PDB file of N, CA and C in Angstrom:
ATOM      1  N   MET A   1       0.796  -1.463  -0.204  1.00  0.00           N
ATOM      2  CA  MET A   1      -0.172  -0.107   0.005  1.00  0.00           C
ATOM      3  C   MET A   1       0.670   1.657  -0.045  1.00  0.00           C
ATOM      4  N   ASN A   2       2.102   1.358   0.587  1.00  0.00           N
ATOM      5  CA  ASN A   2       2.610   2.346   0.876  1.00  0.00           C
ATOM      6  C   ASN A   2       3.871   2.805  -0.246  1.00  0.00           C
ATOM      7  N   ASP A   3       3.838   1.568  -1.846  1.00  0.00           N
ATOM      8  CA  ASP A   3       4.145   2.044  -2.863  1.00  0.00           C
ATOM      9  C   ASP A   3       3.409   2.711  -4.006  1.00  0.00           C
ATOM     10  N   ILE A   4       2.554   2.936  -3.435  1.00  0.00           N
ATOM     11  CA  ILE A   4       1.204   3.724  -4.372  1.00  0.00           C
ATOM     12  C   ILE A   4       1.499   4.973  -4.870  1.00  0.00           C
ATOM     13  N   PRO A   5       1.629   5.798  -3.425  1.00  0.00           N
ATOM     14  CA  PRO A   5       2.359   7.271  -3.863  1.00  0.00           C
ATOM     15  C   PRO A   5       3.621   7.128  -4.405  1.00  0.00           C
ATOM     16  N   ALA A   6       4.544   6.192  -4.219  1.00  0.00           N
ATOM     17  CA  ALA A   6       6.013   6.018  -5.300  1.00  0.00           C
ATOM     18  C   ALA A   6       5.778   6.047  -6.358  1.00  0.00           C
ATOM     19  N   ALA A   7       4.610   5.094  -6.536  1.00  0.00           N
ATOM     20  CA  ALA A   7       4.909   4.744  -8.109  1.00  0.00           C
ATOM     21  C   ALA A   7       4.187   6.145  -8.565  1.00  0.00           C
ATOM     22  N   LYS A   8       3.365   6.709  -8.143  1.00  0.00           N
ATOM     23  CA  LYS A   8       2.490   7.934  -8.501  1.00  0.00           C
ATOM     24  C   LYS A   8       3.485   8.546  -9.063  1.00  0.00           C
ATOM     25  N   ILE A   9       4.067   9.008  -8.218  1.00  0.00           N
ATOM     26  CA  ILE A   9       5.142  10.156  -8.276  1.00  0.00           C
ATOM     27  C   ILE A   9       6.184   9.656  -9.660  1.00  0.00           C
ATOM     28  N   ARG A  10       6.274   8.347  -9.746  1.00  0.00           N
ATOM     29  CA  ARG A  10       7.649   8.017 -11.034  1.00  0.00           C
ATOM     30  C   ARG A  10       6.857   8.084 -12.392  1.00  0.00           C
ATOM     31  N   MET A  11       5.514   8.041 -12.338  1.00  0.00           N
ATOM     32  CA  MET A  11       4.756   7.852 -13.021  1.00  0.00           C
ATOM     33  C   MET A  11       4.265   9.311 -13.863  1.00  0.00           C
ATOM     34  N   MET A  12       4.682  10.254 -12.695  1.00  0.00           N
ATOM     35  CA  MET A  12       4.434  11.889 -12.836  1.00  0.00           C
ATOM     36  C   MET A  12       5.494  12.369 -13.734  1.00  0.00           C
ATOM     37  N   LYS A  13       6.690  12.067 -13.003  1.00  0.00           N
ATOM     38  CA  LYS A  13       8.134  12.351 -13.555  1.00  0.00           C
ATOM     39  C   LYS A  13       8.325  11.574 -14.927  1.00  0.00           C
ATOM     40  N   GLY A  14       7.854  10.723 -15.220  1.00  0.00           N
ATOM     41  CA  GLY A  14       8.122  10.014 -16.518  1.00  0.00           C
ATOM     42  C   GLY A  14       7.171  10.654 -17.480  1.00  0.00           C
ATOM     43  N   SER A  15       5.559  11.310 -17.303  1.00  0.00           N
ATOM     44  CA  SER A  15       5.203  11.742 -18.047  1.00  0.00           C
ATOM     45  C   SER A  15       6.006  13.333 -18.208  1.00  0.00           C
ATOM     46  N   ILE A  16       6.300  13.999 -17.350  1.00  0.00           N
ATOM     47  CA  ILE A  16       6.821  15.573 -17.268  1.00  0.00           C
ATOM     48  C   ILE A  16       7.865  14.997 -18.494  1.00  0.00           C
ATOM     49  N   ARG A  17       8.667  13.896 -17.793  1.00  0.00           N
ATOM     50  CA  ARG A  17      10.402  13.970 -18.967  1.00  0.00           C
ATOM     51  C   ARG A  17       9.765  13.468 -20.363  1.00  0.00           C
ATOM     52  N   CYS A  18       9.112  13.051 -20.543  1.00  0.00           N
ATOM     53  CA  CYS A  18       8.149  12.118 -22.083  1.00  0.00           C
ATOM     54  C   CYS A  18       7.812  14.106 -22.520  1.00  0.00           C
ATOM     55  N   LEU A  19       7.666  14.663 -21.866  1.00  0.00           N
ATOM     56  CA  LEU A  19       6.818  16.312 -22.664  1.00  0.00           C
ATOM     57  C   LEU A  19       8.904  17.186 -23.118  1.00  0.00           C
ATOM     58  N   VAL A  20       9.380  16.585 -21.927  1.00  0.00           N
ATOM     59  CA  VAL A  20      10.816  17.554 -21.911  1.00  0.00           C
ATOM     60  C   VAL A  20      11.053  16.748 -23.317  1.00  0.00           C
ATOM     61  N   LEU A  21      11.531  15.625 -23.197  1.00  0.00           N
ATOM     62  CA  LEU A  21      12.060  14.587 -24.494  1.00  0.00           C
ATOM     63  C   LEU A  21      11.626  14.951 -25.599  1.00  0.00           C
ATOM     64  N   GLY A  22      10.176  14.869 -25.598  1.00  0.00           N
ATOM     65  CA  GLY A  22       9.314  15.412 -27.029  1.00  0.00           C
ATOM     66  C   GLY A  22       9.631  16.777 -27.488  1.00  0.00           C
ATOM     67  N   LEU A  23       9.986  17.704 -26.503  1.00  0.00           N
ATOM     68  CA  LEU A  23      10.190  19.401 -27.019  1.00  0.00           C
ATOM     69  C   LEU A  23      11.522  19.366 -27.803  1.00  0.00           C
ATOM     70  N   LEU A  24      12.543  18.366 -27.096  1.00  0.00           N
ATOM     71  CA  LEU A  24      13.660  18.493 -27.449  1.00  0.00           C
ATOM     72  C   LEU A  24      13.751  17.523 -29.210  1.00  0.00           C
ATOM     73  N   GLY A  25      12.994  16.400 -28.952  1.00  0.00           N
ATOM     74  CA  GLY A  25      12.620  15.904 -30.277  1.00  0.00           C
ATOM     75  C   GLY A  25      12.137  16.950 -31.201  1.00  0.00           C
ATOM     76  N   MET A  26      12.121  17.935 -31.317  1.00  0.00           N
ATOM     77  CA  MET A  26      11.341  18.857 -32.452  1.00  0.00           C
ATOM     78  C   MET A  26      12.656  19.491 -32.664  1.00  0.00           C
ATOM     79  N   LEU A  27      14.232  19.401 -31.888  1.00  0.00           N
ATOM     80  CA  LEU A  27      14.882  20.301 -32.830  1.00  0.00           C
ATOM     81  C   LEU A  27      15.728  19.991 -34.121  1.00  0.00           C
ATOM     82  N   PRO A  28      16.040  20.478 -34.424  1.00  0.00           N
ATOM     83  CA  PRO A  28      16.659  19.997 -35.863  1.00  0.00           C
ATOM     84  C   PRO A  28      18.091  19.446 -35.853  1.00  0.00           C
ATOM     85  N   LEU A  29      18.214  18.451 -36.799  1.00  0.00           N
ATOM     86  CA  LEU A  29      19.308  17.370 -36.331  1.00  0.00           C
ATOM     87  C   LEU A  29      19.872  16.768 -35.410  1.00  0.00           C
ATOM     88  N   ILE A  30      19.692  17.315 -34.165  1.00  0.00           N
ATOM     89  CA  ILE A  30      19.991  15.763 -32.748  1.00  0.00           C
ATOM     90  C   ILE A  30      18.399  15.775 -32.409  1.00  0.00           C
ATOM     91  N   GLY A  31      17.351  16.182 -32.697  1.00  0.00           N
ATOM     92  CA  GLY A  31      16.331  15.896 -32.826  1.00  0.00           C
ATOM     93  C   GLY A  31      15.715  14.152 -32.504  1.00  0.00           C
ATOM     94  N   PRO A  32      15.841  13.665 -33.464  1.00  0.00           N
ATOM     95  CA  PRO A  32      15.495  12.036 -33.205  1.00  0.00           C
ATOM     96  C   PRO A  32      15.433  10.875 -32.184  1.00  0.00           C
ATOM     97  N   PRO A  33      17.018  11.076 -31.792  1.00  0.00           N
ATOM     98  CA  PRO A  33      17.176  10.693 -30.355  1.00  0.00           C
ATOM     99  C   PRO A  33      16.530  10.756 -29.115  1.00  0.00           C
ATOM    100  N   PHE A  34      16.338  12.343 -29.007  1.00  0.00           N
ATOM    101  CA  PHE A  34      15.510  12.738 -28.074  1.00  0.00           C
ATOM    102  C   PHE A  34      13.671  12.031 -28.257  1.00  0.00           C
ATOM    103  N   ALA A  35      13.539  12.421 -29.626  1.00  0.00           N
ATOM    104  CA  ALA A  35      12.130  11.856 -29.915  1.00  0.00           C
ATOM    105  C   ALA A  35      12.101  10.085 -29.475  1.00  0.00           C
ATOM    106  N   LEU A  36      13.286   9.457 -29.619  1.00  0.00           N
ATOM    107  CA  LEU A  36      12.959   8.118 -29.466  1.00  0.00           C
ATOM    108  C   LEU A  36      13.272   8.140 -27.648  1.00  0.00           C
ATOM    109  N   ALA A  37      13.615   8.777 -27.266  1.00  0.00           N
ATOM    110  CA  ALA A  37      13.832   8.590 -25.837  1.00  0.00           C
ATOM    111  C   ALA A  37      12.246   8.983 -24.898  1.00  0.00           C
ATOM    112  N   ALA A  38      12.084  10.060 -25.803  1.00  0.00           N
ATOM    113  CA  ALA A  38      10.099  10.356 -25.361  1.00  0.00           C
ATOM    114  C   ALA A  38       9.525   9.149 -25.594  1.00  0.00           C
ATOM    115  N   PHE A  39       9.240   8.818 -26.541  1.00  0.00           N
ATOM    116  CA  PHE A  39       8.656   7.170 -26.679  1.00  0.00           C
ATOM    117  C   PHE A  39       8.407   5.793 -25.905  1.00  0.00           C
ATOM    118  N   TRP A  40       9.977   5.852 -25.257  1.00  0.00           N
ATOM    119  CA  TRP A  40      10.355   5.115 -24.304  1.00  0.00           C
ATOM    120  C   TRP A  40       9.722   5.617 -23.103  1.00  0.00           C
ATOM    121  N   SER A  41      10.114   6.728 -22.508  1.00  0.00           N
ATOM    122  CA  SER A  41       9.551   7.402 -21.414  1.00  0.00           C
ATOM    123  C   SER A  41       7.983   7.343 -21.908  1.00  0.00           C
ATOM    124  N   SER A  42       7.539   7.489 -22.720  1.00  0.00           N
ATOM    125  CA  SER A  42       5.915   7.616 -22.573  1.00  0.00           C
ATOM    126  C   SER A  42       5.166   6.186 -22.353  1.00  0.00           C
ATOM    127  N   ILE A  43       5.829   4.855 -22.898  1.00  0.00           N
ATOM    128  CA  ILE A  43       5.899   3.540 -23.003  1.00  0.00           C
ATOM    129  C   ILE A  43       5.652   3.240 -21.177  1.00  0.00           C
ATOM    130  N   ARG A  44       6.661   3.916 -20.762  1.00  0.00           N
ATOM    131  CA  ARG A  44       7.232   3.510 -19.042  1.00  0.00           C
ATOM    132  C   ARG A  44       5.544   3.983 -18.477  1.00  0.00           C
ATOM    133  N   ALA A  45       5.342   5.403 -18.544  1.00  0.00           N
ATOM    134  CA  ALA A  45       4.361   6.058 -17.728  1.00  0.00           C
ATOM    135  C   ALA A  45       3.060   5.309 -18.225  1.00  0.00           C
ATOM    136  N   ARG A  46       2.624   5.008 -19.347  1.00  0.00           N
ATOM    137  CA  ARG A  46       1.276   4.428 -19.838  1.00  0.00           C
ATOM    138  C   ARG A  46       1.175   3.027 -18.936  1.00  0.00           C
ATOM    139  N   ARG A  47       2.663   2.404 -18.737  1.00  0.00           N
ATOM    140  CA  ARG A  47       2.234   0.977 -17.986  1.00  0.00           C
ATOM    141  C   ARG A  47       1.801   1.333 -16.669  1.00  0.00           C
ATOM    142  N   GLU A  48       2.021   2.304 -16.017  1.00  0.00           N
ATOM    143  CA  GLU A  48       1.454   2.554 -14.539  1.00  0.00           C
ATOM    144  C   GLU A  48       0.189   3.369 -14.657  1.00  0.00           C
ATOM    145  N   GLU A  49       0.323   4.142 -15.967  1.00  0.00           N
ATOM    146  CA  GLU A  49      -1.292   4.723 -15.598  1.00  0.00           C
ATOM    147  C   GLU A  49      -2.110   4.029 -16.100  1.00  0.00           C
ATOM    148  N   LYS A  50      -2.313   2.560 -16.623  1.00  0.00           N
ATOM    149  CA  LYS A  50      -3.034   1.587 -16.365  1.00  0.00           C
ATOM    150  C   LYS A  50      -3.780   0.891 -14.912  1.00  0.00           C
ATOM    151  N   ARG A  51      -2.687   1.406 -13.943  1.00  0.00           N
ATOM    152  CA  ARG A  51      -2.935   0.812 -12.740  1.00  0.00           C
ATOM    153  C   ARG A  51      -3.897   2.132 -11.900  1.00  0.00           C
ATOM    154  N   LEU A  52      -2.833   3.239 -12.053  1.00  0.00           N
ATOM    155  CA  LEU A  52      -3.176   4.500 -10.866  1.00  0.00           C
ATOM    156  C   LEU A  52      -3.776   5.543 -12.462  1.00  0.00           C
ATOM    157  N   TRP A  53      -4.164   6.836 -11.405  1.00  0.00           N
ATOM    158  CA  TRP A  53      -4.797   8.025 -11.958  1.00  0.00           C
ATOM    159  C   TRP A  53      -3.705   8.509 -12.651  1.00  0.00           C
ATOM    160  N   ASN A  54      -3.169   9.199 -13.412  1.00  0.00           N
ATOM    161  CA  ASN A  54      -2.172  10.050 -13.950  1.00  0.00           C
ATOM    162  C   ASN A  54      -2.472  11.380 -14.223  1.00  0.00           C
ATOM    163  N   PRO A  55      -2.172  12.332 -12.915  1.00  0.00           N
ATOM    164  CA  PRO A  55      -2.346  13.369 -13.329  1.00  0.00           C
ATOM    165  C   PRO A  55      -1.926  14.596 -14.301  1.00  0.00           C
ATOM    166  N   ALA A  56      -0.766  13.982 -14.725  1.00  0.00           N
ATOM    167  CA  ALA A  56       0.276  14.794 -16.037  1.00  0.00           C
ATOM    168  C   ALA A  56      -0.033  13.726 -17.298  1.00  0.00           C
ATOM    169  N   LYS A  57      -0.821  13.042 -17.593  1.00  0.00           N
ATOM    170  CA  LYS A  57      -1.799  12.417 -18.743  1.00  0.00           C
ATOM    171  C   LYS A  57      -1.404  13.404 -19.794  1.00  0.00           C
ATOM    172  N   THR A  58      -1.825  14.598 -19.475  1.00  0.00           N
ATOM    173  CA  THR A  58      -1.914  15.677 -21.132  1.00  0.00           C
ATOM    174  C   THR A  58      -0.352  15.771 -20.917  1.00  0.00           C
ATOM    175  N   GLN A  59       0.437  15.946 -20.418  1.00  0.00           N
ATOM    176  CA  GLN A  59       2.178  16.222 -20.625  1.00  0.00           C
ATOM    177  C   GLN A  59       2.010  14.816 -21.571  1.00  0.00           C
ATOM    178  N   ARG A  60       1.792  14.081 -21.063  1.00  0.00           N
ATOM    179  CA  ARG A  60       2.503  12.789 -21.906  1.00  0.00           C
ATOM    180  C   ARG A  60       2.004  12.723 -23.253  1.00  0.00           C
ATOM    181  N   ILE A  61       1.012  13.029 -23.179  1.00  0.00           N
ATOM    182  CA  ILE A  61       0.715  12.683 -24.759  1.00  0.00           C
ATOM    183  C   ILE A  61       0.758  14.011 -25.470  1.00  0.00           C
ATOM    184  N   LEU A  62       1.271  15.159 -25.179  1.00  0.00           N
ATOM    185  CA  LEU A  62       1.568  16.380 -25.430  1.00  0.00           C
ATOM    186  C   LEU A  62       3.430  15.933 -26.068  1.00  0.00           C
ATOM    187  N   GLY A  63       3.538  15.604 -25.176  1.00  0.00           N
ATOM    188  CA  GLY A  63       5.216  14.783 -25.179  1.00  0.00           C
ATOM    189  C   GLY A  63       5.052  13.964 -26.256  1.00  0.00           C
ATOM    190  N   LEU A  64       4.421  13.184 -26.559  1.00  0.00           N
ATOM    191  CA  LEU A  64       4.073  11.820 -27.608  1.00  0.00           C
ATOM    192  C   LEU A  64       3.760  12.659 -28.812  1.00  0.00           C
ATOM    193  N   VAL A  65       3.117  13.831 -28.759  1.00  0.00           N
ATOM    194  CA  VAL A  65       2.376  14.130 -30.152  1.00  0.00           C
ATOM    195  C   VAL A  65       3.850  15.277 -30.830  1.00  0.00           C
ATOM    196  N   CYS A  66       4.325  15.474 -29.965  1.00  0.00           N
ATOM    197  CA  CYS A  66       5.604  16.440 -30.523  1.00  0.00           C
ATOM    198  C   CYS A  66       7.043  15.532 -30.734  1.00  0.00           C
ATOM    199  N   ALA A  67       7.251  14.016 -30.113  1.00  0.00           N
ATOM    200  CA  ALA A  67       8.238  13.480 -30.290  1.00  0.00           C
ATOM    201  C   ALA A  67       8.332  13.104 -31.754  1.00  0.00           C
ATOM    202  N   GLY A  68       6.537  12.021 -32.049  1.00  0.00           N
ATOM    203  CA  GLY A  68       6.197  12.000 -33.490  1.00  0.00           C
ATOM    204  C   GLY A  68       6.460  12.792 -34.639  1.00  0.00           C
ATOM    205  N   ILE A  69       5.873  14.318 -34.434  1.00  0.00           N
ATOM    206  CA  ILE A  69       6.092  15.384 -34.805  1.00  0.00           C
ATOM    207  C   ILE A  69       7.799  15.727 -35.368  1.00  0.00           C
ATOM    208  N   GLY A  70       8.333  15.623 -34.539  1.00  0.00           N
ATOM    209  CA  GLY A  70      10.016  15.864 -34.604  1.00  0.00           C
ATOM    210  C   GLY A  70      10.680  14.790 -35.080  1.00  0.00           C
ATOM    211  N   ALA A  71      10.338  13.221 -34.775  1.00  0.00           N
ATOM    212  CA  ALA A  71      10.910  11.882 -35.325  1.00  0.00           C
ATOM    213  C   ALA A  71      10.397  12.226 -36.814  1.00  0.00           C
ATOM    214  N   LEU A  72       9.400  12.314 -37.473  1.00  0.00           N
ATOM    215  CA  LEU A  72       9.061  12.074 -38.708  1.00  0.00           C
ATOM    216  C   LEU A  72       9.635  13.332 -39.575  1.00  0.00           C
ATOM    217  N   VAL A  73       9.289  14.550 -38.998  1.00  0.00           N
ATOM    218  CA  VAL A  73      10.154  15.383 -39.857  1.00  0.00           C
ATOM    219  C   VAL A  73      11.751  15.451 -39.909  1.00  0.00           C
ATOM    220  N   TRP A  74      12.138  15.303 -38.556  1.00  0.00           N
ATOM    221  CA  TRP A  74      13.546  16.013 -38.814  1.00  0.00           C
ATOM    222  C   TRP A  74      14.590  14.269 -39.342  1.00  0.00           C
ATOM    223  N   SER A  75      14.082  13.210 -39.118  1.00  0.00           N
ATOM    224  CA  SER A  75      14.337  11.945 -39.994  1.00  0.00           C
ATOM    225  C   SER A  75      14.107  12.596 -41.164  1.00  0.00           C
ATOM    226  N   ALA A  76      13.085  12.467 -41.789  1.00  0.00           N
ATOM    227  CA  ALA A  76      13.175  12.441 -43.333  1.00  0.00           C
ATOM    228  C   ALA A  76      13.904  13.635 -43.936  1.00  0.00           C
ATOM    229  N   VAL A  77      14.337  15.065 -43.228  1.00  0.00           N
ATOM    230  CA  VAL A  77      15.086  16.372 -43.356  1.00  0.00           C
ATOM    231  C   VAL A  77      16.352  15.561 -43.192  1.00  0.00           C
ATOM    232  N   ASP A  78      16.592  14.844 -42.227  1.00  0.00           N
ATOM    233  CA  ASP A  78      18.459  14.156 -42.024  1.00  0.00           C
ATOM    234  C   ASP A  78      18.793  13.581 -43.083  1.00  0.00           C
ATOM    235  N   GLY A  79      17.703  12.771 -43.413  1.00  0.00           N
ATOM    236  CA  GLY A  79      18.120  11.354 -44.645  1.00  0.00           C
ATOM    237  C   GLY A  79      18.198  12.509 -45.655  1.00  0.00           C
ATOM    238  N   ILE A  80      17.593  13.562 -46.166  1.00  0.00           N
ATOM    239  CA  ILE A  80      17.676  14.103 -47.298  1.00  0.00           C
ATOM    240  C   ILE A  80      18.917  14.880 -47.388  1.00  0.00           C
ATOM    241  N   ILE A  81      19.254  15.495 -46.243  1.00  0.00           N
ATOM    242  CA  ILE A  81      20.493  16.173 -46.293  1.00  0.00           C
ATOM    243  C   ILE A  81      22.015  14.920 -46.623  1.00  0.00           C
ATOM    244  N   ILE A  82      21.813  14.017 -45.764  1.00  0.00           N
ATOM    245  CA  ILE A  82      22.986  12.675 -45.767  1.00  0.00           C
ATOM    246  C   ILE A  82      22.923  12.139 -47.503  1.00  0.00           C
ATOM    247  N   ILE A  83      21.929  11.696 -48.028  1.00  0.00           N
ATOM    248  CA  ILE A  83      22.081  11.727 -49.436  1.00  0.00           C
ATOM    249  C   ILE A  83      22.158  12.432 -50.298  1.00  0.00           C
ATOM    250  N   ASN A  84      22.166  13.733 -49.678  1.00  0.00           N
ATOM    251  CA  ASN A  84      22.818  14.866 -51.008  1.00  0.00           C
ATOM    252  C   ASN A  84      23.832  14.778 -50.433  1.00  0.00           C
ATOM    253  N   LEU A  85      24.446  14.926 -49.388  1.00  0.00           N
ATOM    254  CA  LEU A  85      26.298  14.388 -49.142  1.00  0.00           C
ATOM    255  C   LEU A  85      26.894  13.557 -49.870  1.00  0.00           C
ATOM    256  N   VAL A  86      26.256  12.599 -49.550  1.00  0.00           N
ATOM    257  CA  VAL A  86      26.921  11.402 -50.373  1.00  0.00           C
ATOM    258  C   VAL A  86      26.974  11.367 -51.993  1.00  0.00           C
ATOM    259  N   THR A  87      25.994  11.680 -52.423  1.00  0.00           N
ATOM    260  CA  THR A  87      25.956  11.449 -54.027  1.00  0.00           C
ATOM    261  C   THR A  87      26.623  12.885 -54.498  1.00  0.00           C
ATOM    262  N   SER A  88      26.941  14.158 -53.771  1.00  0.00           N
ATOM    263  CA  SER A  88      27.556  14.965 -53.977  1.00  0.00           C
ATOM    264  C   SER A  88      29.246  14.686 -53.960  1.00  0.00           C
ATOM    265  N   TYR A  89      29.855  13.535 -52.766  1.00  0.00           N
ATOM    266  CA  TYR A  89      30.983  12.744 -52.731  1.00  0.00           C
ATOM    267  C   TYR A  89      30.932  12.026 -53.789  1.00  0.00           C
ATOM    268  N   ILE A  90      30.201  11.489 -54.093  1.00  0.00           N
ATOM    269  CA  ILE A  90      30.187  10.469 -55.349  1.00  0.00           C
ATOM    270  C   ILE A  90      30.853  10.867 -56.549  1.00  0.00           C
ATOM    271  N   ASN A  91      29.554  12.009 -56.531  1.00  0.00           N
ATOM    272  CA  ASN A  91      29.909  12.757 -58.356  1.00  0.00           C
ATOM    273  C   ASN A  91      31.286  13.287 -58.436  1.00  0.00           C
ATOM    274  N   SER A  92      32.032  14.069 -57.567  1.00  0.00           N
ATOM    275  CA  SER A  92      33.069  14.883 -57.249  1.00  0.00           C
ATOM    276  C   SER A  92      34.308  13.850 -57.385  1.00  0.00           C
TER     277      SER A  92
END
């Protein structure tokens, strides 16, 4: 019974961590690893959310959305940059 407050605090901290990592995931070039870490943090918080009420659920969802957008956009941009660099190196 005494484990419930500790689990709830861990879950809320994980949700806030997901938001912070999700926002960092929107940074150009270095964002995708942060987005992956946000996904991982969201999964861990979601596991506890099935058992307990999470007052920071909105932050977890917002972090997950930011991480998804950042991962898609910057992975595509990073891929295009790498492909252009490789092709220009091969053609020179």
